[in-house]
Amino acid sequence: MSFKIGVRREDKNKWERRVPLIPEHIKKLKEEHDIETIVQPSQIRAFSNQDYLNSGAKIDEDLSKSPVVFAVKEIPMHLFQPGKTYAFFAHVIKGQEYNMPMLKKMMELGCNLIDYEKITDERGRRLVFFGRYAGLAGMFDTLWAFGKRMKNRGFKTPFDEIKEAINYRDLDDIKDHIKTLGEEISEEGLTDEICPMVVGFAGYGNVSKGAQEILDMLPVEEIEPDKIESIRNDYSNKVIYKVVFKEEHMVKPKLSDSDFNLQEYYNKPELYEPIFEKYVPYLTILMNCIYWEKRYPRLITKEYVEKNYNDDMKLQIVGDISVDVNGAIEFTEKTTNSGNPVFVYNPITKKVKDGCSGEGIAVMAVDNLPCEIPRESSSYFGDTLLRFIPSIAKADFSVDFDELDLPPEIKRAVILYHGKLTPNFEYINKFL
């Protein structure tokens, strides 16, 4: 008996060239598991229609014969079909207002929804993600924007020569260029106007690791957060200083006699108050790579930048890879895209201006960064997803949820089943 799955064409914007499964994965599924794949045609995808045909897939606009459909981004509401199973990044687990109509439509149609973001192990660690590639592209785009910003202010830096990540052939091309810049910095140093150049990373997960991977190809010296003030007058212009901030650097207990406890902070953030802003005066670039919800304190507030902004402010740009609008970085006023990746927030007028120039702090807030290195990011993502595909394709979705035979990692990610929120996600009802 053969089984069928569908792969939807990504069309959220013209830069979205990723796929959940590459041709190599499709070939393995057919040869090793007798799973046939129907792939919608696309003119912009990183892998061509012919690549998929060569792997044994069928190219067809109509996915109605596929009981399970895999995508990357959200699927337009009019494309959902009754009773079908869909797997994609749904962006609903925080009750995101903009996706509640989509969720309601899936409920009305009795659909099943598997959210990649919730495919986790028994300790809650994510198993299927693009995070590293968001970090890789996000760091590069932030350095590109920093170079443009400095050039607009009349300062020459090696970063002038960088292009946006999307304009390179592939990840190797990006890394080759960054190595060249690193050699230039080691030999010639950085201009006094930007020294000491300090890049801070809020967070230490996969996104942060990806961003650090790019920066670490330059001459970097890592320092602890408590040393950040000491390098202000004692520094080298031939290195970039890297600082990684963990939760204990971002908040402290409100009770002075209490010690920081990570699990307590996660469970009861109201017992903690923010302290991250004390580091901001020493940062040239901040990469925001943390998971954030409204119950957690912000990293930087609008009030802080309004009170402390001046022409000599060191912080030039925030690479907001997490991209929570008005979230951890409160002045992330909007998301951006690869065609217009940066805006400048003016703390005095409270207005934003697209581009890298102007008074204020620049924000890089592209909300689908992995699409800028689509082949590598899709290959990695599919590698992590592939082992679960046979179980999903062959599952009997007609039984009760308690009887549904899926790997526990996948079952934890089922948001909707027969159009109803599963027990772990019933809290989303309050957002509906």
Protein backbone atom coordinates (compact mmCIF):
# COMPACT_ATOMS: atom_id res chain seq x y z
CA MET A 1 0.00 0.00 0.00
CA SER A 2 1.39 3.40 -0.97
CA PHE A 3 0.81 6.59 0.96
CA LYS A 4 0.62 10.17 -0.33
CA ILE A 5 1.77 13.49 1.06
CA GLY A 6 1.63 16.96 -0.46
CA VAL A 7 4.16 19.81 -0.43
CA ARG A 8 2.62 23.24 -0.81
CA ARG A 9 4.17 26.03 -2.84
CA GLU A 10 5.39 28.91 -0.67
CA ASP A 11 3.99 32.22 -1.89
CA LYS A 12 3.73 34.47 1.17
CA ASN A 13 6.21 36.82 -0.52
CA LYS A 14 8.63 36.77 -3.43
CA TRP A 15 11.62 36.08 -1.16
CA GLU A 16 10.18 32.91 0.36
CA ARG A 17 12.07 30.22 -1.54
CA ARG A 18 12.25 27.59 1.21
CA VAL A 19 10.71 24.11 1.19
CA PRO A 20 9.93 21.70 4.04
CA LEU A 21 11.40 18.77 2.09
CA ILE A 22 14.07 18.88 -0.62
CA PRO A 23 14.17 16.50 -3.63
CA GLU A 24 16.63 14.18 -1.88
CA HIS A 25 14.13 13.69 0.95
CA ILE A 26 11.31 12.96 -1.50
CA LYS A 27 13.43 10.26 -3.16
CA LYS A 28 14.17 8.60 0.20
CA LEU A 29 10.49 8.59 1.20
CA LYS A 30 9.54 6.89 -2.08
CA GLU A 31 12.33 4.30 -2.10
CA GLU A 32 12.41 3.45 1.60
CA HIS A 33 8.81 3.97 2.74
CA ASP A 34 6.65 3.77 -0.41
CA ILE A 35 5.44 7.32 0.18
CA GLU A 36 4.49 9.28 -2.94
CA THR A 37 4.78 13.06 -2.91
CA ILE A 38 2.75 15.59 -4.85
CA VAL A 39 4.54 18.94 -5.10
CA GLN A 40 2.88 22.14 -6.24
CA PRO A 41 4.78 23.88 -9.06
CA SER A 42 6.78 27.01 -8.25
CA GLN A 43 8.92 29.43 -10.22
CA ILE A 44 10.78 30.88 -7.22
CA ARG A 45 11.51 27.84 -5.07
CA ALA A 46 15.22 27.15 -4.34
CA PHE A 47 14.77 23.70 -5.93
CA SER A 48 13.23 23.54 -9.41
CA ASN A 49 10.18 21.61 -10.53
CA GLN A 50 12.55 19.42 -12.56
CA ASP A 51 14.61 18.66 -9.44
CA TYR A 52 11.47 17.24 -7.83
CA LEU A 53 10.42 15.33 -10.93
CA ASN A 54 13.88 13.75 -11.04
CA SER A 55 13.42 12.64 -7.44
CA GLY A 56 10.19 10.81 -8.26
CA ALA A 57 7.69 13.42 -7.16
CA LYS A 58 4.59 14.36 -9.10
CA ILE A 59 4.19 18.06 -9.93
CA ASP A 60 0.56 19.07 -9.63
CA GLU A 61 -1.36 22.19 -8.61
CA ASP A 62 -4.01 19.99 -7.00
CA LEU A 63 -3.08 18.60 -3.58
CA SER A 64 -6.55 17.23 -2.82
CA LYS A 65 -5.35 13.62 -3.15
CA SER A 66 -2.81 14.15 -0.35
CA PRO A 67 -4.31 13.51 3.11
CA VAL A 68 -1.34 15.31 4.70
CA VAL A 69 0.09 18.59 3.38
CA PHE A 70 3.44 20.02 4.46
CA ALA A 71 4.32 23.71 4.11
CA VAL A 72 6.70 26.19 5.71
CA LYS A 73 4.68 29.36 6.31
CA GLU A 74 0.98 29.86 7.08
CA ILE A 75 -1.48 28.62 4.45
CA PRO A 76 -4.14 31.01 3.09
CA MET A 77 -7.56 30.23 4.56
CA HIS A 78 -9.30 29.52 1.25
CA LEU A 79 -6.93 26.62 0.55
CA PHE A 80 -7.81 24.48 3.56
CA GLN A 81 -9.85 21.37 2.82
CA PRO A 82 -12.19 19.57 5.26
CA GLY A 83 -10.64 16.92 7.46
CA LYS A 84 -7.14 17.24 6.05
CA THR A 85 -3.94 17.25 8.12
CA TYR A 86 -1.59 20.23 7.74
CA ALA A 87 1.93 20.72 9.07
CA PHE A 88 3.51 24.19 9.04
CA PHE A 89 4.69 27.04 11.28
CA ALA A 90 1.26 28.16 12.46
CA HIS A 91 2.23 31.05 14.77
CA VAL A 92 -0.82 30.57 16.99
CA ILE A 93 0.58 29.30 20.30
CA LYS A 94 0.91 32.82 21.74
CA GLY A 95 -2.61 33.61 20.59
CA GLN A 96 -1.24 35.72 17.75
CA GLU A 97 -4.20 37.87 16.74
CA TYR A 98 -3.35 37.95 13.04
CA ASN A 99 -3.63 34.14 12.77
CA MET A 100 -6.77 33.55 14.83
CA PRO A 101 -9.05 33.77 11.73
CA MET A 102 -6.92 31.06 10.09
CA LEU A 103 -7.20 28.86 13.17
CA LYS A 104 -10.98 29.37 13.30
CA LYS A 105 -11.29 28.34 9.65
CA MET A 106 -9.33 25.16 10.30
CA MET A 107 -11.61 24.42 13.26
CA GLU A 108 -14.72 24.93 11.15
CA LEU A 109 -13.39 22.49 8.56
CA GLY A 110 -12.41 19.84 11.10
CA CYS A 111 -8.72 20.00 10.16
CA ASN A 112 -5.73 18.61 12.02
CA LEU A 113 -2.82 20.99 12.63
CA ILE A 114 0.77 19.99 13.41
CA ASP A 115 2.93 22.96 14.35
CA TYR A 116 6.66 22.47 13.75
CA GLU A 117 7.42 24.85 16.59
CA LYS A 118 5.98 22.39 19.11
CA ILE A 119 7.80 19.27 17.88
CA THR A 120 9.84 18.75 21.04
CA ASP A 121 11.60 16.09 23.08
CA GLU A 122 10.52 15.07 26.57
CA ARG A 123 12.42 18.07 28.02
CA GLY A 124 10.63 20.55 25.78
CA ARG A 125 13.57 21.17 23.44
CA ARG A 126 12.62 21.91 19.85
CA LEU A 127 13.65 19.29 17.30
CA VAL A 128 12.60 20.79 13.95
CA PHE A 129 13.66 24.35 13.26
CA PHE A 130 15.31 26.92 11.00
CA GLY A 131 16.74 28.84 13.96
CA ARG A 132 20.44 28.52 13.18
CA TYR A 133 19.85 29.86 9.67
CA ALA A 134 17.82 32.80 10.96
CA GLY A 135 20.84 33.60 13.11
CA LEU A 136 23.32 33.23 10.24
CA ALA A 137 21.38 35.49 7.88
CA GLY A 138 20.33 37.89 10.64
CA MET A 139 23.88 38.54 11.80
CA PHE A 140 25.08 39.14 8.27
CA ASP A 141 22.22 41.50 7.43
CA THR A 142 22.82 43.39 10.67
CA LEU A 143 26.51 43.86 9.85
CA TRP A 144 25.48 45.01 6.36
CA ALA A 145 23.12 47.59 7.85
CA PHE A 146 25.73 48.69 10.38
CA GLY A 147 28.20 49.32 7.54
CA LYS A 148 25.64 51.39 5.65
CA ARG A 149 24.75 53.32 8.78
CA MET A 150 28.38 54.16 9.53
CA LYS A 151 28.98 55.17 5.92
CA ASN A 152 26.01 57.55 6.10
CA ARG A 153 27.63 59.11 9.18
CA GLY A 154 30.91 59.54 7.31
CA PHE A 155 32.83 56.64 8.89
CA LYS A 156 34.54 54.08 6.68
CA THR A 157 34.40 50.47 7.92
CA PRO A 158 35.10 47.07 6.32
CA PHE A 159 31.36 46.39 6.60
CA ASP A 160 30.76 48.86 3.74
CA GLU A 161 31.65 46.03 1.38
CA ILE A 162 28.96 43.61 2.64
CA LYS A 163 25.83 42.84 0.65
CA GLU A 164 22.61 41.53 2.16
CA ALA A 165 22.65 37.77 2.68
CA ILE A 166 20.03 37.26 -0.02
CA ASN A 167 22.42 38.67 -2.65
CA TYR A 168 25.08 35.99 -2.18
CA ARG A 169 25.25 32.75 -4.13
CA ASP A 170 25.04 30.56 -1.04
CA LEU A 171 26.23 30.25 2.54
CA ASP A 172 29.78 29.38 1.49
CA ASP A 173 29.90 32.60 -0.54
CA ILE A 174 28.82 34.57 2.55
CA LYS A 175 31.43 32.88 4.73
CA ASP A 176 34.20 33.45 2.19
CA HIS A 177 33.43 37.18 2.23
CA ILE A 178 33.28 37.43 6.01
CA LYS A 179 36.69 35.71 6.27
CA THR A 180 38.15 38.33 3.94
CA LEU A 181 36.72 41.11 6.11
CA GLY A 182 38.18 39.44 9.19
CA GLU A 183 41.64 39.50 7.66
CA GLU A 184 41.21 43.20 6.86
CA ILE A 185 40.19 44.00 10.44
CA SER A 186 43.13 42.01 11.84
CA GLU A 187 45.59 43.87 9.65
CA GLU A 188 44.20 47.41 9.50
CA GLY A 189 41.93 47.66 12.51
CA LEU A 190 38.65 49.53 12.89
CA THR A 191 38.18 53.29 12.87
CA ASP A 192 38.43 54.96 16.28
CA GLU A 193 34.90 56.34 15.97
CA ILE A 194 33.35 52.90 16.45
CA CYS A 195 35.82 51.43 18.94
CA PRO A 196 35.53 49.52 21.08
CA MET A 197 33.10 47.65 18.81
CA VAL A 198 30.91 45.55 21.09
CA VAL A 199 28.30 43.09 19.82
CA GLY A 200 25.86 41.73 22.40
CA PHE A 201 23.77 38.58 22.03
CA ALA A 202 20.61 38.30 24.09
CA GLY A 203 20.06 34.56 24.32
CA TYR A 204 22.19 31.48 23.74
CA GLY A 205 19.97 29.03 21.81
CA ASN A 206 20.07 27.92 18.18
CA VAL A 207 19.33 31.38 16.78
CA SER A 208 22.06 32.98 18.87
CA LYS A 209 24.52 30.22 17.99
CA GLY A 210 23.87 30.81 14.27
CA ALA A 211 24.44 34.55 14.65
CA GLN A 212 27.60 33.99 16.70
CA GLU A 213 28.87 31.57 14.06
CA ILE A 214 29.08 34.46 11.57
CA LEU A 215 30.59 36.95 14.02
CA ASP A 216 33.15 34.39 15.21
CA MET A 217 34.62 34.32 11.70
CA LEU A 218 35.89 37.84 12.41
CA PRO A 219 38.63 38.55 14.98
CA VAL A 220 36.54 38.27 18.14
CA GLU A 221 37.32 38.41 21.84
CA GLU A 222 34.53 37.23 24.12
CA ILE A 223 34.06 39.02 27.42
CA GLU A 224 31.68 38.48 30.31
CA PRO A 225 28.85 40.99 30.82
CA ASP A 226 30.43 42.29 34.01
CA LYS A 227 33.58 43.26 32.07
CA ILE A 228 31.77 45.32 29.46
CA GLU A 229 32.41 48.68 31.14
CA SER A 230 36.13 48.02 31.67
CA ILE A 231 36.97 47.86 27.95
CA ARG A 232 35.59 51.34 27.26
CA ASN A 233 39.06 52.87 27.68
CA ASP A 234 41.23 49.78 27.38
CA TYR A 235 40.57 48.05 24.09
CA SER A 236 42.07 46.86 20.82
CA ASN A 237 40.86 48.26 17.50
CA LYS A 238 41.74 44.95 15.83
CA VAL A 239 39.12 42.84 17.57
CA ILE A 240 35.35 42.87 17.98
CA TYR A 241 34.18 42.27 21.53
CA LYS A 242 31.40 39.69 21.92
CA VAL A 243 29.12 39.49 24.95
CA VAL A 244 26.51 36.76 25.47
CA PHE A 245 23.72 37.63 27.88
CA LYS A 246 21.76 34.96 29.74
CA GLU A 247 18.59 35.38 31.74
CA GLU A 248 20.49 36.28 34.93
CA HIS A 249 21.93 39.29 33.09
CA MET A 250 18.50 40.44 31.92
CA VAL A 251 16.53 40.34 35.20
CA LYS A 252 16.99 40.13 38.95
CA PRO A 253 14.64 39.07 41.78
CA LYS A 254 12.51 41.89 43.13
CA LEU A 255 13.27 40.72 46.68
CA SER A 256 16.80 41.80 47.51
CA ASP A 257 17.52 38.71 49.60
CA SER A 258 16.54 36.27 46.83
CA ASP A 259 18.88 34.56 44.39
CA PHE A 260 18.23 34.23 40.68
CA ASN A 261 16.46 30.96 39.84
CA LEU A 262 15.98 30.18 36.17
CA GLN A 263 13.00 27.87 36.56
CA GLU A 264 11.29 30.29 38.92
CA TYR A 265 11.82 33.08 36.40
CA TYR A 266 10.25 31.02 33.63
CA ASN A 267 7.26 30.10 35.81
CA LYS A 268 6.83 33.35 37.77
CA PRO A 269 8.42 36.23 35.84
CA GLU A 270 6.37 38.69 37.89
CA LEU A 271 8.83 38.06 40.74
CA TYR A 272 11.64 39.58 38.66
CA GLU A 273 12.49 43.04 37.36
CA PRO A 274 14.51 44.04 34.28
CA ILE A 275 18.18 45.05 34.57
CA PHE A 276 19.41 44.65 30.99
CA GLU A 277 19.33 48.36 30.18
CA LYS A 278 22.45 48.96 32.30
CA TYR A 279 24.48 47.23 29.55
CA VAL A 280 22.99 49.17 26.64
CA PRO A 281 25.37 52.21 26.79
CA TYR A 282 28.32 49.91 26.03
CA LEU A 283 26.85 48.06 23.04
CA THR A 284 27.46 48.92 19.38
CA ILE A 285 25.14 46.20 18.08
CA LEU A 286 22.55 44.12 19.94
CA MET A 287 21.33 40.81 18.52
CA ASN A 288 17.98 39.89 20.06
CA CYS A 289 17.68 36.09 19.97
CA ILE A 290 15.39 35.38 22.94
CA TYR A 291 11.96 33.82 23.19
CA TRP A 292 9.61 36.44 24.61
CA GLU A 293 6.04 36.65 25.83
CA LYS A 294 4.16 39.61 27.30
CA ARG A 295 4.56 38.26 30.81
CA TYR A 296 8.34 38.69 30.63
CA PRO A 297 10.17 42.02 31.12
CA ARG A 298 11.46 43.79 28.02
CA LEU A 299 15.14 44.11 27.15
CA ILE A 300 14.88 47.75 26.05
CA THR A 301 11.85 50.01 26.48
CA LYS A 302 10.83 53.06 24.49
CA GLU A 303 11.02 55.06 27.71
CA TYR A 304 14.68 54.12 28.14
CA VAL A 305 15.74 55.18 24.65
CA GLU A 306 13.73 58.39 24.87
CA LYS A 307 15.49 59.36 28.10
CA ASN A 308 18.96 58.29 27.04
CA TYR A 309 19.12 59.01 23.32
CA ASN A 310 21.68 61.53 22.06
CA ASP A 311 23.88 62.03 19.01
CA ASP A 312 26.73 60.10 20.62
CA MET A 313 24.67 57.05 21.59
CA LYS A 314 26.83 53.98 21.03
CA LEU A 315 24.03 51.54 20.13
CA GLN A 316 23.57 51.88 16.39
CA ILE A 317 21.47 48.89 15.44
CA VAL A 318 19.42 46.07 16.89
CA GLY A 319 19.34 42.84 14.91
CA ASP A 320 15.92 41.75 16.15
CA ILE A 321 15.90 38.17 14.93
CA SER A 322 13.12 37.20 17.36
CA VAL A 323 10.91 39.89 15.78
CA ASP A 324 8.18 40.36 18.36
CA VAL A 325 6.50 43.63 17.37
CA ASN A 326 6.66 45.99 20.38
CA GLY A 327 8.07 43.05 22.32
CA ALA A 328 11.43 42.52 24.03
CA ILE A 329 12.70 45.43 21.95
CA GLU A 330 9.74 47.73 22.44
CA PHE A 331 10.64 49.99 19.51
CA THR A 332 10.49 47.13 17.00
CA GLU A 333 7.46 48.83 15.52
CA LYS A 334 6.98 46.43 12.60
CA THR A 335 8.42 43.44 10.82
CA THR A 336 10.44 43.95 7.64
CA ASN A 337 11.28 41.86 4.60
CA SER A 338 14.33 41.07 2.50
CA GLY A 339 13.53 43.85 0.05
CA ASN A 340 13.40 46.48 2.79
CA PRO A 341 15.09 44.93 5.83
CA VAL A 342 15.84 47.91 8.09
CA PHE A 343 14.11 50.92 9.60
CA VAL A 344 15.33 53.62 11.99
CA TYR A 345 13.30 54.41 15.11
CA ASN A 346 13.59 58.00 16.32
CA PRO A 347 13.09 58.01 20.12
CA ILE A 348 12.26 61.71 20.17
CA THR A 349 9.60 61.83 17.44
CA LYS A 350 8.62 58.17 18.00
CA LYS A 351 8.47 57.73 14.23
CA VAL A 352 10.12 55.17 11.98
CA LYS A 353 11.90 55.73 8.70
CA ASP A 354 12.76 52.91 6.30
CA GLY A 355 16.43 52.44 5.47
CA CYS A 356 19.68 52.68 7.44
CA SER A 357 20.05 56.45 7.74
CA GLY A 358 18.51 59.02 10.05
CA GLU A 359 18.39 60.00 13.70
CA GLY A 360 17.72 57.17 16.11
CA ILE A 361 18.42 53.46 16.37
CA ALA A 362 18.27 51.15 13.36
CA VAL A 363 16.31 47.90 13.59
CA MET A 364 16.75 44.87 11.34
CA ALA A 365 13.49 42.95 11.74
CA VAL A 366 13.16 40.58 8.77
CA ASP A 367 10.59 37.97 9.82
CA ASN A 368 11.69 35.10 7.54
CA LEU A 369 15.47 35.33 7.55
CA PRO A 370 16.17 31.66 6.66
CA CYS A 371 14.69 32.30 3.20
CA GLU A 372 17.83 34.35 2.46
CA ILE A 373 19.88 31.14 2.44
CA PRO A 374 17.10 28.85 1.18
CA ARG A 375 18.94 25.78 -0.08
CA GLU A 376 21.00 25.17 3.04
CA SER A 377 18.22 26.06 5.46
CA SER A 378 15.68 23.84 3.65
CA SER A 379 18.11 20.94 3.51
CA TYR A 380 18.81 21.14 7.24
CA PHE A 381 15.15 21.58 8.15
CA GLY A 382 14.10 18.60 6.05
CA ASP A 383 16.85 16.48 7.59
CA THR A 384 15.38 17.10 11.04
CA LEU A 385 11.78 16.54 9.88
CA LEU A 386 12.36 13.49 7.66
CA ARG A 387 12.40 10.83 10.39
CA PHE A 388 8.87 11.80 11.44
CA ILE A 389 7.30 11.87 7.96
CA PRO A 390 6.56 8.12 7.60
CA SER A 391 4.70 8.03 10.93
CA ILE A 392 2.64 11.10 10.00
CA ALA A 393 1.91 9.84 6.47
CA LYS A 394 0.80 6.42 7.68
CA ALA A 395 -1.15 7.50 10.79
CA ASP A 396 -4.86 6.79 11.07
CA PHE A 397 -6.30 10.24 11.76
CA SER A 398 -9.86 8.90 12.07
CA VAL A 399 -9.42 7.52 15.59
CA ASP A 400 -9.87 9.43 18.84
CA PHE A 401 -6.92 11.60 19.85
CA ASP A 402 -6.04 9.30 22.76
CA GLU A 403 -5.67 6.43 20.29
CA LEU A 404 -3.76 8.39 17.64
CA ASP A 405 -0.52 6.49 16.98
CA LEU A 406 2.14 9.14 16.43
CA PRO A 407 5.62 9.53 17.91
CA PRO A 408 5.32 11.50 21.17
CA GLU A 409 7.44 14.29 19.66
CA ILE A 410 4.81 14.80 16.95
CA LYS A 411 1.78 14.21 19.13
CA ARG A 412 2.96 17.03 21.38
CA ALA A 413 2.80 19.29 18.30
CA VAL A 414 -0.82 18.54 17.34
CA ILE A 415 -2.62 21.82 18.00
CA LEU A 416 -5.93 20.88 16.39
CA TYR A 417 -7.43 17.43 16.03
CA HIS A 418 -10.71 16.99 14.16
CA GLY A 419 -11.04 20.76 14.36
CA LYS A 420 -10.75 20.96 18.15
CA LEU A 421 -7.88 22.24 20.28
CA THR A 422 -6.04 19.35 21.91
CA PRO A 423 -5.73 19.35 25.74
CA ASN A 424 -2.33 21.09 25.88
CA PHE A 425 -3.57 23.91 23.67
CA GLU A 426 -7.07 24.54 24.98
CA TYR A 427 -5.76 27.80 26.47
CA ILE A 428 -5.81 29.26 22.95
CA ASN A 429 -9.61 29.39 23.24
CA LYS A 430 -9.31 32.62 25.23
CA PHE A 431 -7.70 34.29 22.19
CA LEU A 432 -10.45 33.11 19.86
